[in-house]
Amino acid sequence: DIEGTLRQIVEELSQSHPGTTFETNIDTPEPV
């Protein structure tokens, strides 16, 4: 679940860097 992995990382960094905006675009339908 690449999308879930990436969104978790962004969430963790968002909490520790509340003043920064993260612009994400994740489109990973193919199995990895």
Full PDB file with SEQRES, HELIX, SHEET, SSBOND, CRYST1, ORIGX, SCALE, CONECT and MASTER records, all heavy atoms in Angstrom:
SEQRES   1 A   32  ASP ILE GLU GLY THR LEU ARG GLN ILE VAL GLU GLU LEU          
SEQRES   2 A   32  SER GLN SER HIS PRO GLY THR THR PHE GLU THR ASN ILE          
SEQRES   3 A   32  ASP THR PRO GLU PRO VAL                                      
HELIX    1 AA1 ILE A    2  SER A   16  1                                  15    
CRYST1    1.000    1.000    1.000  90.00  90.00  90.00 P 1           1          
ORIGX1      1.000000  0.000000  0.000000        0.00000                         
ORIGX2      0.000000  1.000000  0.000000        0.00000                         
ORIGX3      0.000000  0.000000  1.000000        0.00000                         
SCALE1      1.000000  0.000000  0.000000        0.00000                         
SCALE2      0.000000  1.000000  0.000000        0.00000                         
SCALE3      0.000000  0.000000  1.000000        0.00000                         
ATOM      1  N   ASP A   1       0.854  -1.195   0.000  1.00  0.00           N  
ATOM      2  CA  ASP A   1       0.000   0.000   0.000  1.00  0.00           C  
ATOM      3  C   ASP A   1       0.890   1.245   0.000  1.00  0.00           C  
ATOM      4  O   ASP A   1       1.111   1.875   1.030  1.00  0.00           O  
ATOM      5  CB  ASP A   1      -0.919  -0.013   1.217  1.00  0.00           C  
ATOM      6  CG  ASP A   1      -1.848   1.207   1.258  1.00  0.00           C  
ATOM      7  OD1 ASP A   1      -1.956   1.919   0.237  1.00  0.00           O  
ATOM      8  OD2 ASP A   1      -2.445   1.452   2.333  1.00  0.00           O  
ATOM      9  N   ILE A   2       1.393   1.585  -1.188  1.00  0.00           N  
ATOM     10  CA  ILE A   2       2.299   2.732  -1.304  1.00  0.00           C  
ATOM     11  C   ILE A   2       1.598   4.016  -0.892  1.00  0.00           C  
ATOM     12  O   ILE A   2       2.171   4.863  -0.177  1.00  0.00           O  
ATOM     13  CB  ILE A   2       2.846   2.850  -2.745  1.00  0.00           C  
ATOM     14  CG1 ILE A   2       3.882   1.765  -2.998  1.00  0.00           C  
ATOM     15  CG2 ILE A   2       3.468   4.230  -2.977  1.00  0.00           C  
ATOM     16  CD1 ILE A   2       5.130   1.882  -2.155  1.00  0.00           C  
ATOM     17  N   GLU A   3       0.350   4.189  -1.318  1.00  0.00           N  
ATOM     18  CA  GLU A   3      -0.365   5.423  -0.977  1.00  0.00           C  
ATOM     19  C   GLU A   3      -0.492   5.578   0.532  1.00  0.00           C  
ATOM     20  O   GLU A   3      -0.244   6.661   1.078  1.00  0.00           O  
ATOM     21  CB  GLU A   3      -1.751   5.431  -1.624  1.00  0.00           C  
ATOM     22  CG  GLU A   3      -2.534   6.702  -1.289  1.00  0.00           C  
ATOM     23  CD  GLU A   3      -3.858   6.803  -2.030  1.00  0.00           C  
ATOM     24  OE1 GLU A   3      -4.122   5.940  -2.892  1.00  0.00           O  
ATOM     25  OE2 GLU A   3      -4.617   7.754  -1.751  1.00  0.00           O  
ATOM     26  N   GLY A   4      -0.862   4.492   1.228  1.00  0.00           N  
ATOM     27  CA  GLY A   4      -0.984   4.568   2.675  1.00  0.00           C  
ATOM     28  C   GLY A   4       0.338   4.889   3.346  1.00  0.00           C  
ATOM     29  O   GLY A   4       0.395   5.671   4.298  1.00  0.00           O  
ATOM     30  N   THR A   5       1.425   4.286   2.835  1.00  0.00           N  
ATOM     31  CA  THR A   5       2.754   4.546   3.396  1.00  0.00           C  
ATOM     32  C   THR A   5       3.129   6.014   3.242  1.00  0.00           C  
ATOM     33  O   THR A   5       3.602   6.654   4.195  1.00  0.00           O  
ATOM     34  CB  THR A   5       3.806   3.668   2.696  1.00  0.00           C  
ATOM     35  OG1 THR A   5       3.524   2.292   2.947  1.00  0.00           O  
ATOM     36  CG2 THR A   5       5.213   3.997   3.197  1.00  0.00           C  
ATOM     37  N   LEU A   6       2.904   6.566   2.053  1.00  0.00           N  
ATOM     38  CA  LEU A   6       3.282   7.952   1.793  1.00  0.00           C  
ATOM     39  C   LEU A   6       2.431   8.923   2.598  1.00  0.00           C  
ATOM     40  O   LEU A   6       2.944   9.917   3.141  1.00  0.00           O  
ATOM     41  CB  LEU A   6       3.155   8.258   0.298  1.00  0.00           C  
ATOM     42  CG  LEU A   6       4.068   7.438  -0.629  1.00  0.00           C  
ATOM     43  CD1 LEU A   6       3.868   7.859  -2.079  1.00  0.00           C  
ATOM     44  CD2 LEU A   6       5.527   7.579  -0.230  1.00  0.00           C  
ATOM     45  N   ARG A   7       1.157   8.648   2.701  1.00  0.00           N  
ATOM     46  CA  ARG A   7       0.280   9.566   3.445  1.00  0.00           C  
ATOM     47  C   ARG A   7       0.617   9.545   4.939  1.00  0.00           C  
ATOM     48  O   ARG A   7       0.506  10.576   5.617  1.00  0.00           O  
ATOM     49  CB  ARG A   7      -1.181   9.204   3.215  1.00  0.00           C  
ATOM     50  CG  ARG A   7      -1.636   9.450   1.779  1.00  0.00           C  
ATOM     51  CD  ARG A   7      -3.144   9.535   1.632  1.00  0.00           C  
ATOM     52  NE  ARG A   7      -3.522   9.686   0.233  1.00  0.00           N  
ATOM     53  CZ  ARG A   7      -3.467  10.836  -0.437  1.00  0.00           C  
ATOM     54  NH1 ARG A   7      -3.061  11.936   0.173  1.00  0.00           N  
ATOM     55  NH2 ARG A   7      -3.846  10.892  -1.710  1.00  0.00           N  
ATOM     56  N   GLN A   8       1.034   8.404   5.449  1.00  0.00           N  
ATOM     57  CA  GLN A   8       1.438   8.340   6.857  1.00  0.00           C  
ATOM     58  C   GLN A   8       2.683   9.192   7.101  1.00  0.00           C  
ATOM     59  O   GLN A   8       2.763   9.916   8.107  1.00  0.00           O  
ATOM     60  CB  GLN A   8       1.709   6.893   7.259  1.00  0.00           C  
ATOM     61  CG  GLN A   8       2.157   6.746   8.710  1.00  0.00           C  
ATOM     62  CD  GLN A   8       2.450   5.311   9.085  1.00  0.00           C  
ATOM     63  OE1 GLN A   8       2.142   4.388   8.348  1.00  0.00           O  
ATOM     64  NE2 GLN A   8       3.075   5.131  10.238  1.00  0.00           N  
ATOM     65  N   ILE A   9       3.650   9.116   6.185  1.00  0.00           N  
ATOM     66  CA  ILE A   9       4.866   9.920   6.322  1.00  0.00           C  
ATOM     67  C   ILE A   9       4.534  11.408   6.289  1.00  0.00           C  
ATOM     68  O   ILE A   9       5.029  12.198   7.117  1.00  0.00           O  
ATOM     69  CB  ILE A   9       5.866   9.581   5.202  1.00  0.00           C  
ATOM     70  CG1 ILE A   9       6.342   8.133   5.311  1.00  0.00           C  
ATOM     71  CG2 ILE A   9       7.063  10.537   5.230  1.00  0.00           C  
ATOM     72  CD1 ILE A   9       7.052   7.800   6.596  1.00  0.00           C  
ATOM     73  N   VAL A  10       3.676  11.805   5.356  1.00  0.00           N  
ATOM     74  CA  VAL A  10       3.295  13.219   5.251  1.00  0.00           C  
ATOM     75  C   VAL A  10       2.567  13.671   6.514  1.00  0.00           C  
ATOM     76  O   VAL A  10       2.795  14.779   7.018  1.00  0.00           O  
ATOM     77  CB  VAL A  10       2.420  13.455   3.993  1.00  0.00           C  
ATOM     78  CG1 VAL A  10       1.849  14.870   3.995  1.00  0.00           C  
ATOM     79  CG2 VAL A  10       3.233  13.222   2.734  1.00  0.00           C  
ATOM     80  N   GLU A  11       1.701  12.816   7.054  1.00  0.00           N  
ATOM     81  CA  GLU A  11       0.957  13.155   8.269  1.00  0.00           C  
ATOM     82  C   GLU A  11       1.904  13.372   9.434  1.00  0.00           C  
ATOM     83  O   GLU A  11       1.753  14.334  10.205  1.00  0.00           O  
ATOM     84  CB  GLU A  11      -0.045  12.042   8.585  1.00  0.00           C  
ATOM     85  CG  GLU A  11      -0.804  12.236   9.895  1.00  0.00           C  
ATOM     86  CD  GLU A  11      -1.694  13.470   9.894  1.00  0.00           C  
ATOM     87  OE1 GLU A  11      -2.063  13.941   8.798  1.00  0.00           O  
ATOM     88  OE2 GLU A  11      -1.994  13.979  10.999  1.00  0.00           O  
ATOM     89  N   GLU A  12       2.890  12.489   9.592  1.00  0.00           N  
ATOM     90  CA  GLU A  12       3.841  12.622  10.691  1.00  0.00           C  
ATOM     91  C   GLU A  12       4.640  13.919  10.576  1.00  0.00           C  
ATOM     92  O   GLU A  12       4.837  14.627  11.562  1.00  0.00           O  
ATOM     93  CB  GLU A  12       4.786  11.422  10.707  1.00  0.00           C  
ATOM     94  CG  GLU A  12       4.119  10.117  11.110  1.00  0.00           C  
ATOM     95  CD  GLU A  12       5.034   8.916  10.976  1.00  0.00           C  
ATOM     96  OE1 GLU A  12       6.176   9.108  10.483  1.00  0.00           O  
ATOM     97  OE2 GLU A  12       4.629   7.802  11.341  1.00  0.00           O  
ATOM     98  N   LEU A  13       5.098  14.226   9.367  1.00  0.00           N  
ATOM     99  CA  LEU A  13       5.882  15.446   9.174  1.00  0.00           C  
ATOM    100  C   LEU A  13       5.018  16.694   9.290  1.00  0.00           C  
ATOM    101  O   LEU A  13       5.489  17.746   9.719  1.00  0.00           O  
ATOM    102  CB  LEU A  13       6.591  15.404   7.818  1.00  0.00           C  
ATOM    103  CG  LEU A  13       7.726  14.381   7.724  1.00  0.00           C  
ATOM    104  CD1 LEU A  13       8.274  14.304   6.305  1.00  0.00           C  
ATOM    105  CD2 LEU A  13       8.854  14.726   8.682  1.00  0.00           C  
ATOM    106  N   SER A  14       3.746  16.587   8.914  1.00  0.00           N  
ATOM    107  CA  SER A  14       2.842  17.734   9.050  1.00  0.00           C  
ATOM    108  C   SER A  14       2.666  18.106  10.521  1.00  0.00           C  
ATOM    109  O   SER A  14       2.605  19.284  10.873  1.00  0.00           O  
ATOM    110  CB  SER A  14       1.478  17.416   8.432  1.00  0.00           C  
ATOM    111  OG  SER A  14       1.576  17.202   7.048  1.00  0.00           O  
ATOM    112  N   GLN A  15       2.594  17.080  11.379  1.00  0.00           N  
ATOM    113  CA  GLN A  15       2.425  17.350  12.806  1.00  0.00           C  
ATOM    114  C   GLN A  15       3.656  18.000  13.411  1.00  0.00           C  
ATOM    115  O   GLN A  15       3.540  18.836  14.305  1.00  0.00           O  
ATOM    116  CB  GLN A  15       2.099  16.045  13.538  1.00  0.00           C  
ATOM    117  CG  GLN A  15       0.736  15.469  13.183  1.00  0.00           C  
ATOM    118  CD  GLN A  15       0.439  14.180  13.924  1.00  0.00           C  
ATOM    119  OE1 GLN A  15       1.177  13.781  14.818  1.00  0.00           O  
ATOM    120  NE2 GLN A  15      -0.646  13.515  13.560  1.00  0.00           N  
ATOM    121  N   SER A  16       4.838  17.607  12.934  1.00  0.00           N  
ATOM    122  CA  SER A  16       6.060  18.180  13.491  1.00  0.00           C  
ATOM    123  C   SER A  16       6.482  19.479  12.787  1.00  0.00           C  
ATOM    124  O   SER A  16       7.381  20.153  13.253  1.00  0.00           O  
ATOM    125  CB  SER A  16       7.207  17.160  13.421  1.00  0.00           C  
ATOM    126  OG  SER A  16       7.451  16.758  12.092  1.00  0.00           O  
ATOM    127  N   HIS A  17       5.829  19.811  11.661  1.00  0.00           N  
ATOM    128  CA  HIS A  17       6.113  21.061  10.937  1.00  0.00           C  
ATOM    129  C   HIS A  17       4.778  21.743  10.604  1.00  0.00           C  
ATOM    130  O   HIS A  17       4.373  21.830   9.437  1.00  0.00           O  
ATOM    131  CB  HIS A  17       6.904  20.793   9.653  1.00  0.00           C  
ATOM    132  CG  HIS A  17       8.260  20.230   9.889  1.00  0.00           C  
ATOM    133  ND1 HIS A  17       8.475  18.894  10.173  1.00  0.00           N  
ATOM    134  CD2 HIS A  17       9.491  20.823   9.914  1.00  0.00           C  
ATOM    135  CE1 HIS A  17       9.760  18.689  10.335  1.00  0.00           C  
ATOM    136  NE2 HIS A  17      10.397  19.825  10.202  1.00  0.00           N  
ATOM    137  N   PRO A  18       4.063  22.213  11.650  1.00  0.00           N  
ATOM    138  CA  PRO A  18       2.720  22.764  11.411  1.00  0.00           C  
ATOM    139  C   PRO A  18       2.696  23.999  10.530  1.00  0.00           C  
ATOM    140  O   PRO A  18       1.662  24.336   9.977  1.00  0.00           O  
ATOM    141  CB  PRO A  18       2.237  23.081  12.838  1.00  0.00           C  
ATOM    142  CG  PRO A  18       3.490  23.239  13.652  1.00  0.00           C  
ATOM    143  CD  PRO A  18       4.468  22.277  13.055  1.00  0.00           C  
ATOM    144  N   GLY A  19       3.810  24.666  10.375  1.00  0.00           N  
ATOM    145  CA  GLY A  19       3.831  25.871   9.546  1.00  0.00           C  
ATOM    146  C   GLY A  19       4.065  25.610   8.071  1.00  0.00           C  
ATOM    147  O   GLY A  19       4.101  26.548   7.269  1.00  0.00           O  
ATOM    148  N   THR A  20       4.229  24.363   7.676  1.00  0.00           N  
ATOM    149  CA  THR A  20       4.532  24.017   6.286  1.00  0.00           C  
ATOM    150  C   THR A  20       3.333  23.348   5.629  1.00  0.00           C  
ATOM    151  O   THR A  20       2.682  22.479   6.214  1.00  0.00           O  
ATOM    152  CB  THR A  20       5.746  23.072   6.209  1.00  0.00           C  
ATOM    153  OG1 THR A  20       6.879  23.715   6.786  1.00  0.00           O  
ATOM    154  CG2 THR A  20       6.057  22.715   4.759  1.00  0.00           C  
ATOM    155  N   THR A  21       3.050  23.749   4.396  1.00  0.00           N  
ATOM    156  CA  THR A  21       1.996  23.123   3.598  1.00  0.00           C  
ATOM    157  C   THR A  21       2.596  22.028   2.729  1.00  0.00           C  
ATOM    158  O   THR A  21       3.607  22.246   2.066  1.00  0.00           O  
ATOM    159  CB  THR A  21       1.299  24.164   2.703  1.00  0.00           C  
ATOM    160  OG1 THR A  21       0.710  25.171   3.521  1.00  0.00           O  
ATOM    161  CG2 THR A  21       0.219  23.510   1.849  1.00  0.00           C  
ATOM    162  N   PHE A  22       1.974  20.855   2.737  1.00  0.00           N  
ATOM    163  CA  PHE A  22       2.408  19.748   1.887  1.00  0.00           C  
ATOM    164  C   PHE A  22       1.394  19.583   0.759  1.00  0.00           C  
ATOM    165  O   PHE A  22       0.204  19.359   1.013  1.00  0.00           O  
ATOM    166  CB  PHE A  22       2.508  18.451   2.692  1.00  0.00           C  
ATOM    167  CG  PHE A  22       3.634  18.434   3.679  1.00  0.00           C  
ATOM    168  CD1 PHE A  22       3.489  19.010   4.930  1.00  0.00           C  
ATOM    169  CD2 PHE A  22       4.857  17.852   3.357  1.00  0.00           C  
ATOM    170  CE1 PHE A  22       4.529  18.996   5.847  1.00  0.00           C  
ATOM    171  CE2 PHE A  22       5.904  17.833   4.267  1.00  0.00           C  
ATOM    172  CZ  PHE A  22       5.730  18.411   5.513  1.00  0.00           C  
ATOM    173  N   GLU A  23       1.862  19.718  -0.474  1.00  0.00           N  
ATOM    174  CA  GLU A  23       1.006  19.528  -1.648  1.00  0.00           C  
ATOM    175  C   GLU A  23       1.262  18.135  -2.204  1.00  0.00           C  
ATOM    176  O   GLU A  23       2.350  17.857  -2.718  1.00  0.00           O  
ATOM    177  CB  GLU A  23       1.297  20.603  -2.699  1.00  0.00           C  
ATOM    178  CG  GLU A  23       0.957  22.014  -2.211  1.00  0.00           C  
ATOM    179  CD  GLU A  23       1.222  23.079  -3.274  1.00  0.00           C  
ATOM    180  OE1 GLU A  23       1.911  22.753  -4.274  1.00  0.00           O  
ATOM    181  OE2 GLU A  23       0.749  24.210  -3.102  1.00  0.00           O  
ATOM    182  N   THR A  24       0.276  17.244  -2.082  1.00  0.00           N  
ATOM    183  CA  THR A  24       0.466  15.853  -2.479  1.00  0.00           C  
ATOM    184  C   THR A  24      -0.449  15.479  -3.630  1.00  0.00           C  
ATOM    185  O   THR A  24      -1.587  15.952  -3.727  1.00  0.00           O  
ATOM    186  CB  THR A  24       0.190  14.908  -1.293  1.00  0.00           C  
ATOM    187  OG1 THR A  24      -1.166  15.058  -0.866  1.00  0.00           O  
ATOM    188  CG2 THR A  24       1.116  15.216  -0.130  1.00  0.00           C  
ATOM    189  N   ASN A  25       0.064  14.616  -4.482  1.00  0.00           N  
ATOM    190  CA  ASN A  25      -0.707  14.052  -5.594  1.00  0.00           C  
ATOM    191  C   ASN A  25      -0.249  12.612  -5.761  1.00  0.00           C  
ATOM    192  O   ASN A  25       0.820  12.355  -6.318  1.00  0.00           O  
ATOM    193  CB  ASN A  25      -0.478  14.853  -6.878  1.00  0.00           C  
ATOM    194  CG  ASN A  25      -1.335  14.343  -8.036  1.00  0.00           C  
ATOM    195  OD1 ASN A  25      -2.089  13.383  -7.890  1.00  0.00           O  
ATOM    196  ND2 ASN A  25      -1.223  14.982  -9.185  1.00  0.00           N  
ATOM    197  N   ILE A  26      -1.041  11.674  -5.239  1.00  0.00           N  
ATOM    198  CA  ILE A  26      -0.644  10.270  -5.235  1.00  0.00           C  
ATOM    199  C   ILE A  26      -1.607   9.468  -6.105  1.00  0.00           C  
ATOM    200  O   ILE A  26      -2.811   9.425  -5.839  1.00  0.00           O  
ATOM    201  CB  ILE A  26      -0.639   9.717  -3.793  1.00  0.00           C  
ATOM    202  CG1 ILE A  26       0.328  10.534  -2.915  1.00  0.00           C  
ATOM    203  CG2 ILE A  26      -0.235   8.239  -3.782  1.00  0.00           C  
ATOM    204  CD1 ILE A  26       0.297  10.149  -1.448  1.00  0.00           C  
ATOM    205  N   ASP A  27      -1.084   8.835  -7.128  1.00  0.00           N  
ATOM    206  CA  ASP A  27      -1.879   8.020  -8.047  1.00  0.00           C  
ATOM    207  C   ASP A  27      -1.092   6.742  -8.330  1.00  0.00           C  
ATOM    208  O   ASP A  27      -0.303   6.673  -9.270  1.00  0.00           O  
ATOM    209  CB  ASP A  27      -2.154   8.797  -9.340  1.00  0.00           C  
ATOM    210  CG  ASP A  27      -3.029   8.011 -10.313  1.00  0.00           C  
ATOM    211  OD1 ASP A  27      -3.703   7.064  -9.872  1.00  0.00           O  
ATOM    212  OD2 ASP A  27      -3.012   8.327 -11.522  1.00  0.00           O  
ATOM    213  N   THR A  28      -1.277   5.736  -7.471  1.00  0.00           N  
ATOM    214  CA  THR A  28      -0.469   4.510  -7.544  1.00  0.00           C  
ATOM    215  C   THR A  28      -1.359   3.273  -7.575  1.00  0.00           C  
ATOM    216  O   THR A  28      -1.344   2.449  -6.643  1.00  0.00           O  
ATOM    217  CB  THR A  28       0.493   4.439  -6.346  1.00  0.00           C  
ATOM    218  OG1 THR A  28      -0.279   4.543  -5.121  1.00  0.00           O  
ATOM    219  CG2 THR A  28       1.504   5.581  -6.388  1.00  0.00           C  
ATOM    220  N   PRO A  29      -2.158   3.096  -8.645  1.00  0.00           N  
ATOM    221  CA  PRO A  29      -3.070   1.948  -8.692  1.00  0.00           C  
ATOM    222  C   PRO A  29      -2.377   0.615  -8.974  1.00  0.00           C  
ATOM    223  O   PRO A  29      -2.913  -0.443  -8.641  1.00  0.00           O  
ATOM    224  CB  PRO A  29      -4.025   2.320  -9.827  1.00  0.00           C  
ATOM    225  CG  PRO A  29      -3.199   3.184 -10.728  1.00  0.00           C  
ATOM    226  CD  PRO A  29      -2.307   3.973  -9.823  1.00  0.00           C  
ATOM    227  N   GLU A  30      -1.186   0.640  -9.585  1.00  0.00           N  
ATOM    228  CA  GLU A  30      -0.505  -0.594  -9.952  1.00  0.00           C  
ATOM    229  C   GLU A  30       0.137  -1.243  -8.727  1.00  0.00           C  
ATOM    230  O   GLU A  30       0.626  -0.548  -7.834  1.00  0.00           O  
ATOM    231  CB  GLU A  30       0.572  -0.315 -11.003  1.00  0.00           C  
ATOM    232  CG  GLU A  30       0.048   0.291 -12.293  1.00  0.00           C  
ATOM    233  CD  GLU A  30      -0.904  -0.641 -13.009  1.00  0.00           C  
ATOM    234  OE1 GLU A  30      -0.666  -1.873 -12.974  1.00  0.00           O  
ATOM    235  OE2 GLU A  30      -1.891  -0.149 -13.582  1.00  0.00           O  
ATOM    236  N   PRO A  31       0.151  -2.569  -8.645  1.00  0.00           N  
ATOM    237  CA  PRO A  31       0.801  -3.255  -7.514  1.00  0.00           C  
ATOM    238  C   PRO A  31       2.310  -3.036  -7.527  1.00  0.00           C  
ATOM    239  O   PRO A  31       2.943  -3.035  -8.579  1.00  0.00           O  
ATOM    240  CB  PRO A  31       0.443  -4.727  -7.739  1.00  0.00           C  
ATOM    241  CG  PRO A  31       0.160  -4.841  -9.204  1.00  0.00           C  
ATOM    242  CD  PRO A  31      -0.437  -3.530  -9.618  1.00  0.00           C  
ATOM    243  N   VAL A  32       2.868  -2.851  -6.321  1.00  0.00           N  
ATOM    244  CA  VAL A  32       4.300  -2.590  -6.179  1.00  0.00           C  
ATOM    245  C   VAL A  32       4.889  -3.620  -5.223  1.00  0.00           C  
ATOM    246  O   VAL A  32       4.313  -3.906  -4.170  1.00  0.00           O  
ATOM    247  CB  VAL A  32       4.559  -1.170  -5.629  1.00  0.00           C  
ATOM    248  CG1 VAL A  32       6.054  -0.919  -5.487  1.00  0.00           C  
ATOM    249  CG2 VAL A  32       3.922  -0.125  -6.526  1.00  0.00           C  
TER     250      VAL A  32                                                      
MASTER        0    0    0    1    0    0    0    6  249    1    0    3          
END                                                                             
